[in-house]
């Protein structure tokens, strides 16, 4: 079992920056990929960024060049640095983790609200 807790969301002005954190606990040694997803009102959840245990990253085209995903293995934490934010980035952001042991499982955090508005 893996538990994920997101933090760092809030209100930010257009063009501003925000950093989200996701702390993992439980069977953390079994996690091979972590990522960030977001869901805007009346829209489907979409991939934002992922990072593997080896450090390989992947980004959605809409955030490429503006967002950066990173990890701190010592703290069992992943981050999402968001720069040049605009109103279209407003959404609930969710942390995700994939474990691969005998079976493959996915875990989600509770989400953190990001609102970009002047």
N, C-alpha and C. Protein backbone atom coordinates (compact mmCIF):
# COMPACT_ATOMS: atom_id res chain seq x y z
N UNK A 1 0.84 -1.19 0.00
CA UNK A 1 0.00 0.00 0.00
C UNK A 1 0.88 1.25 0.00
N UNK A 2 0.41 2.26 -0.70
CA UNK A 2 1.10 3.54 -0.80
C UNK A 2 0.12 4.64 -0.47
N UNK A 3 0.56 5.58 0.34
CA UNK A 3 -0.23 6.76 0.65
C UNK A 3 0.47 7.98 0.09
N UNK A 4 -0.30 8.87 -0.52
CA UNK A 4 0.23 10.07 -1.14
C UNK A 4 -0.48 11.29 -0.58
N UNK A 5 0.28 12.30 -0.22
CA UNK A 5 -0.27 13.53 0.32
C UNK A 5 0.29 14.70 -0.46
N UNK A 6 -0.58 15.44 -1.15
CA UNK A 6 -0.17 16.62 -1.90
C UNK A 6 -0.27 17.87 -1.04
N UNK A 7 0.55 18.85 -1.38
CA UNK A 7 0.49 20.14 -0.72
C UNK A 7 1.07 21.19 -1.65
N UNK A 8 0.83 22.45 -1.33
CA UNK A 8 1.41 23.54 -2.08
C UNK A 8 0.47 24.28 -2.99
N UNK A 9 -0.76 23.80 -3.12
CA UNK A 9 -1.72 24.48 -3.96
C UNK A 9 -2.17 25.79 -3.35
N UNK A 10 -2.86 26.58 -4.16
CA UNK A 10 -3.35 27.85 -3.68
C UNK A 10 -3.70 28.78 -4.82
N UNK A 11 -3.84 30.05 -4.49
CA UNK A 11 -4.18 31.09 -5.46
C UNK A 11 -2.92 31.81 -5.90
N UNK A 12 -2.77 31.96 -7.21
CA UNK A 12 -1.61 32.64 -7.76
C UNK A 12 -2.05 33.51 -8.94
N UNK A 13 -1.38 34.62 -9.16
CA UNK A 13 -1.71 35.51 -10.26
C UNK A 13 -1.17 34.98 -11.58
N UNK A 14 -1.80 35.35 -12.69
CA UNK A 14 -1.28 34.94 -14.00
C UNK A 14 0.18 35.36 -14.16
N UNK A 15 0.97 34.45 -14.70
CA UNK A 15 2.39 34.69 -14.85
C UNK A 15 3.21 34.30 -13.65
N UNK A 16 2.55 33.95 -12.57
CA UNK A 16 3.23 33.59 -11.35
C UNK A 16 3.69 32.15 -11.32
N UNK A 17 4.24 31.75 -10.18
CA UNK A 17 4.79 30.41 -10.01
C UNK A 17 4.25 29.77 -8.74
N UNK A 18 4.29 28.46 -8.73
CA UNK A 18 3.84 27.68 -7.59
C UNK A 18 4.56 26.35 -7.62
N UNK A 19 4.87 25.81 -6.45
CA UNK A 19 5.49 24.49 -6.37
C UNK A 19 4.63 23.55 -5.55
N UNK A 20 4.26 22.43 -6.14
CA UNK A 20 3.49 21.41 -5.48
C UNK A 20 4.41 20.31 -4.97
N UNK A 21 4.03 19.71 -3.85
CA UNK A 21 4.79 18.62 -3.27
C UNK A 21 3.89 17.41 -3.09
N UNK A 22 4.47 16.23 -3.21
CA UNK A 22 3.75 14.98 -2.98
C UNK A 22 4.63 14.06 -2.17
N UNK A 23 4.23 13.82 -0.93
CA UNK A 23 4.98 12.95 -0.03
C UNK A 23 4.39 11.55 -0.06
N UNK A 24 5.23 10.55 -0.29
CA UNK A 24 4.79 9.16 -0.36
C UNK A 24 5.20 8.41 0.89
N UNK A 25 4.34 7.49 1.30
CA UNK A 25 4.64 6.63 2.44
C UNK A 25 4.04 5.26 2.19
N UNK A 26 4.45 4.28 2.99
CA UNK A 26 3.99 2.92 2.81
C UNK A 26 5.04 2.09 2.08
N UNK A 27 4.61 1.36 1.07
CA UNK A 27 5.51 0.49 0.30
C UNK A 27 6.24 1.29 -0.78
N UNK A 28 7.00 2.27 -0.34
CA UNK A 28 7.63 3.20 -1.28
C UNK A 28 8.70 2.52 -2.13
N UNK A 29 9.29 1.44 -1.64
CA UNK A 29 10.33 0.76 -2.39
C UNK A 29 9.79 0.12 -3.66
N UNK A 30 8.49 -0.05 -3.75
CA UNK A 30 7.87 -0.68 -4.90
C UNK A 30 7.44 0.32 -5.97
N UNK A 31 7.60 1.60 -5.71
CA UNK A 31 7.20 2.63 -6.67
C UNK A 31 8.24 2.75 -7.78
N UNK A 32 7.79 2.65 -9.02
CA UNK A 32 8.72 2.84 -10.14
C UNK A 32 8.43 4.11 -10.93
N UNK A 33 7.20 4.61 -10.89
CA UNK A 33 6.84 5.83 -11.60
C UNK A 33 5.92 6.67 -10.72
N UNK A 34 6.14 7.97 -10.70
CA UNK A 34 5.22 8.89 -10.06
C UNK A 34 4.89 10.00 -11.04
N UNK A 35 3.74 10.60 -10.85
CA UNK A 35 3.33 11.64 -11.77
C UNK A 35 2.33 12.59 -11.18
N UNK A 36 2.06 13.62 -11.95
CA UNK A 36 1.06 14.61 -11.60
C UNK A 36 -0.01 14.64 -12.69
N UNK A 37 -1.26 14.66 -12.27
CA UNK A 37 -2.40 14.80 -13.14
C UNK A 37 -3.21 15.99 -12.65
N UNK A 38 -4.08 16.49 -13.51
CA UNK A 38 -4.94 17.59 -13.11
C UNK A 38 -6.32 17.43 -13.72
N UNK A 39 -7.30 18.01 -13.05
CA UNK A 39 -8.66 17.95 -13.52
C UNK A 39 -9.32 19.30 -13.30
N UNK A 40 -9.68 19.95 -14.39
CA UNK A 40 -10.38 21.21 -14.35
C UNK A 40 -11.88 20.95 -14.27
N UNK A 41 -12.67 21.95 -13.84
CA UNK A 41 -14.11 21.76 -13.75
C UNK A 41 -14.71 21.29 -15.07
N UNK A 42 -15.53 20.27 -15.01
CA UNK A 42 -16.23 19.71 -16.16
C UNK A 42 -15.30 19.20 -17.25
N UNK A 43 -14.08 18.85 -16.88
CA UNK A 43 -13.14 18.26 -17.81
C UNK A 43 -12.61 16.95 -17.25
N UNK A 44 -12.07 16.12 -18.13
CA UNK A 44 -11.49 14.86 -17.71
C UNK A 44 -10.10 15.07 -17.12
N UNK A 45 -9.72 14.16 -16.27
CA UNK A 45 -8.38 14.22 -15.70
C UNK A 45 -7.34 13.98 -16.78
N UNK A 46 -6.30 14.79 -16.77
CA UNK A 46 -5.27 14.70 -17.79
C UNK A 46 -3.88 14.61 -17.17
N UNK A 47 -2.99 13.98 -17.89
CA UNK A 47 -1.61 13.85 -17.46
C UNK A 47 -0.90 15.19 -17.55
N UNK A 48 -0.13 15.51 -16.53
CA UNK A 48 0.70 16.71 -16.53
C UNK A 48 2.16 16.35 -16.73
N UNK A 49 2.68 15.46 -15.89
CA UNK A 49 4.08 15.07 -15.95
C UNK A 49 4.29 13.78 -15.18
N UNK A 50 5.32 13.03 -15.57
CA UNK A 50 5.70 11.81 -14.87
C UNK A 50 7.21 11.79 -14.69
N UNK A 51 7.65 11.02 -13.71
CA UNK A 51 9.08 10.81 -13.49
C UNK A 51 9.28 9.38 -13.02
N UNK A 52 10.24 8.69 -13.60
CA UNK A 52 10.52 7.30 -13.25
C UNK A 52 11.52 7.24 -12.11
N UNK A 53 11.69 6.03 -11.59
CA UNK A 53 12.67 5.83 -10.53
C UNK A 53 14.08 6.15 -11.00
N UNK A 54 14.32 6.06 -12.30
CA UNK A 54 15.61 6.40 -12.86
C UNK A 54 15.78 7.86 -13.20
N UNK A 55 14.72 8.65 -13.03
CA UNK A 55 14.80 10.08 -13.26
C UNK A 55 14.33 10.55 -14.62
N UNK A 56 13.82 9.65 -15.45
CA UNK A 56 13.31 10.04 -16.76
C UNK A 56 11.99 10.77 -16.61
N UNK A 57 11.85 11.89 -17.29
CA UNK A 57 10.64 12.72 -17.17
C UNK A 57 9.87 12.76 -18.48
N UNK A 58 8.58 13.04 -18.34
CA UNK A 58 7.69 13.16 -19.48
C UNK A 58 6.67 14.24 -19.15
N UNK A 59 6.33 15.09 -20.15
CA UNK A 59 5.43 16.20 -19.92
C UNK A 59 4.36 16.27 -20.98
N UNK A 60 3.20 16.76 -20.56
CA UNK A 60 2.17 17.09 -21.52
C UNK A 60 2.62 18.30 -22.33
N UNK A 61 2.21 18.36 -23.60
CA UNK A 61 2.61 19.47 -24.45
C UNK A 61 2.17 20.82 -23.89
N UNK A 62 1.05 20.84 -23.21
CA UNK A 62 0.51 22.09 -22.70
C UNK A 62 1.35 22.71 -21.59
N UNK A 63 2.19 21.92 -20.94
CA UNK A 63 3.00 22.43 -19.84
C UNK A 63 4.49 22.36 -20.12
N UNK A 64 4.88 21.76 -21.22
CA UNK A 64 6.29 21.60 -21.54
C UNK A 64 6.97 22.96 -21.64
N UNK A 65 8.08 23.09 -20.96
CA UNK A 65 8.81 24.34 -20.94
C UNK A 65 8.41 25.26 -19.81
N UNK A 66 7.27 25.00 -19.17
CA UNK A 66 6.81 25.82 -18.06
C UNK A 66 6.85 25.08 -16.73
N UNK A 67 6.57 23.78 -16.76
CA UNK A 67 6.53 22.97 -15.55
C UNK A 67 7.74 22.06 -15.50
N UNK A 68 8.18 21.74 -14.29
CA UNK A 68 9.28 20.83 -14.08
C UNK A 68 8.94 19.86 -12.96
N UNK A 69 9.03 18.57 -13.24
CA UNK A 69 8.82 17.56 -12.21
C UNK A 69 10.18 17.09 -11.72
N UNK A 70 10.30 16.88 -10.42
CA UNK A 70 11.55 16.43 -9.84
C UNK A 70 11.25 15.55 -8.63
N UNK A 71 12.29 14.95 -8.10
CA UNK A 71 12.12 14.07 -6.95
C UNK A 71 13.25 14.23 -5.97
N UNK A 72 12.95 13.91 -4.71
CA UNK A 72 13.94 13.86 -3.65
C UNK A 72 13.77 12.50 -3.00
N UNK A 73 14.62 11.56 -3.38
CA UNK A 73 14.49 10.19 -2.89
C UNK A 73 14.66 10.09 -1.38
N UNK A 74 15.52 10.92 -0.83
CA UNK A 74 15.75 10.89 0.62
C UNK A 74 14.49 11.25 1.39
N UNK A 75 13.66 12.10 0.82
CA UNK A 75 12.43 12.53 1.47
C UNK A 75 11.20 11.81 0.93
N UNK A 76 11.39 10.91 -0.03
CA UNK A 76 10.27 10.20 -0.66
C UNK A 76 9.22 11.18 -1.16
N UNK A 77 9.68 12.20 -1.83
CA UNK A 77 8.82 13.29 -2.25
C UNK A 77 9.09 13.66 -3.70
N UNK A 78 8.02 13.94 -4.44
CA UNK A 78 8.13 14.48 -5.79
C UNK A 78 7.55 15.88 -5.79
N UNK A 79 8.05 16.71 -6.70
CA UNK A 79 7.65 18.10 -6.78
C UNK A 79 7.20 18.43 -8.19
N UNK A 80 6.37 19.44 -8.28
CA UNK A 80 5.99 20.01 -9.56
C UNK A 80 6.17 21.51 -9.47
N UNK A 81 7.22 22.01 -10.11
CA UNK A 81 7.45 23.45 -10.18
C UNK A 81 6.70 24.00 -11.37
N UNK A 82 5.79 24.92 -11.12
CA UNK A 82 4.94 25.48 -12.15
C UNK A 82 5.25 26.95 -12.33
N UNK A 83 5.69 27.32 -13.52
CA UNK A 83 6.02 28.69 -13.85
C UNK A 83 5.12 29.20 -14.97
N UNK A 84 5.09 30.51 -15.12
CA UNK A 84 4.29 31.14 -16.18
C UNK A 84 2.87 30.62 -16.19
N UNK A 85 2.27 30.58 -15.04
CA UNK A 85 0.92 30.04 -14.91
C UNK A 85 -0.11 30.94 -15.57
N UNK A 86 -1.13 30.33 -16.14
CA UNK A 86 -2.24 31.05 -16.73
C UNK A 86 -3.55 30.43 -16.27
N UNK A 87 -4.65 31.05 -16.63
CA UNK A 87 -5.95 30.62 -16.16
C UNK A 87 -6.27 29.19 -16.56
N UNK A 88 -5.73 28.74 -17.69
CA UNK A 88 -5.99 27.38 -18.16
C UNK A 88 -5.33 26.33 -17.28
N UNK A 89 -4.43 26.75 -16.41
CA UNK A 89 -3.79 25.82 -15.49
C UNK A 89 -4.63 25.59 -14.23
N UNK A 90 -5.71 26.33 -14.08
CA UNK A 90 -6.57 26.18 -12.92
C UNK A 90 -7.19 24.79 -12.92
N UNK A 91 -6.98 24.05 -11.84
CA UNK A 91 -7.47 22.68 -11.74
C UNK A 91 -7.13 22.12 -10.37
N UNK A 92 -7.68 20.96 -10.07
CA UNK A 92 -7.24 20.17 -8.94
C UNK A 92 -6.11 19.28 -9.43
N UNK A 93 -4.98 19.35 -8.77
CA UNK A 93 -3.81 18.57 -9.16
C UNK A 93 -3.67 17.36 -8.25
N UNK A 94 -3.50 16.20 -8.87
CA UNK A 94 -3.41 14.94 -8.15
C UNK A 94 -2.06 14.29 -8.36
N UNK A 95 -1.51 13.75 -7.29
CA UNK A 95 -0.29 12.97 -7.36
C UNK A 95 -0.64 11.51 -7.59
N UNK A 96 0.17 10.83 -8.40
CA UNK A 96 -0.06 9.43 -8.72
C UNK A 96 1.23 8.64 -8.55
N UNK A 97 1.10 7.40 -8.12
CA UNK A 97 2.25 6.51 -7.99
C UNK A 97 1.89 5.14 -8.55
N UNK A 98 2.83 4.52 -9.24
CA UNK A 98 2.66 3.17 -9.75
C UNK A 98 3.65 2.25 -9.06
N UNK A 99 3.15 1.10 -8.60
CA UNK A 99 4.01 0.09 -7.99
C UNK A 99 3.99 -1.16 -8.84
N UNK A 100 5.15 -1.80 -8.94
CA UNK A 100 5.27 -3.06 -9.66
C UNK A 100 6.05 -4.05 -8.81
N UNK A 101 5.34 -4.98 -8.25
CA UNK A 101 5.94 -6.03 -7.44
C UNK A 101 5.50 -7.36 -8.05
N UNK A 102 4.54 -8.03 -7.48
CA UNK A 102 3.93 -9.18 -8.12
C UNK A 102 2.78 -8.76 -9.03
N UNK A 103 2.19 -7.61 -8.70
CA UNK A 103 1.14 -7.04 -9.51
C UNK A 103 1.42 -5.55 -9.68
N UNK A 104 0.73 -4.94 -10.64
CA UNK A 104 0.84 -3.52 -10.87
C UNK A 104 -0.34 -2.80 -10.24
N UNK A 105 -0.05 -1.76 -9.46
CA UNK A 105 -1.10 -1.01 -8.79
C UNK A 105 -0.85 0.49 -8.95
N UNK A 106 -1.92 1.24 -8.87
CA UNK A 106 -1.87 2.69 -8.98
C UNK A 106 -2.50 3.31 -7.74
N UNK A 107 -1.91 4.40 -7.27
CA UNK A 107 -2.39 5.09 -6.09
C UNK A 107 -2.51 6.58 -6.38
N UNK A 108 -3.46 7.21 -5.70
CA UNK A 108 -3.74 8.62 -5.91
C UNK A 108 -3.77 9.37 -4.59
N UNK A 109 -3.32 10.60 -4.63
CA UNK A 109 -3.46 11.49 -3.49
C UNK A 109 -4.84 12.12 -3.48
N UNK A 110 -5.08 12.96 -2.49
CA UNK A 110 -6.40 13.56 -2.33
C UNK A 110 -6.62 14.76 -3.24
N UNK A 111 -5.55 15.30 -3.80
CA UNK A 111 -5.64 16.44 -4.68
C UNK A 111 -5.40 17.75 -3.95
N UNK A 112 -4.88 18.72 -4.69
CA UNK A 112 -4.69 20.06 -4.17
C UNK A 112 -5.12 21.07 -5.22
N UNK A 113 -5.87 22.07 -4.80
CA UNK A 113 -6.45 23.04 -5.72
C UNK A 113 -5.43 24.10 -6.11
N UNK A 114 -5.33 24.34 -7.41
CA UNK A 114 -4.52 25.43 -7.94
C UNK A 114 -5.45 26.36 -8.71
N UNK A 115 -5.47 27.62 -8.31
CA UNK A 115 -6.31 28.61 -8.97
C UNK A 115 -5.44 29.76 -9.45
N UNK A 116 -5.50 30.04 -10.74
CA UNK A 116 -4.74 31.13 -11.34
C UNK A 116 -5.72 32.22 -11.72
N UNK A 117 -5.63 33.34 -11.04
CA UNK A 117 -6.57 34.44 -11.26
C UNK A 117 -5.97 35.74 -10.76
N UNK A 118 -6.34 36.83 -11.41
CA UNK A 118 -5.92 38.14 -10.98
C UNK A 118 -6.94 38.77 -10.02
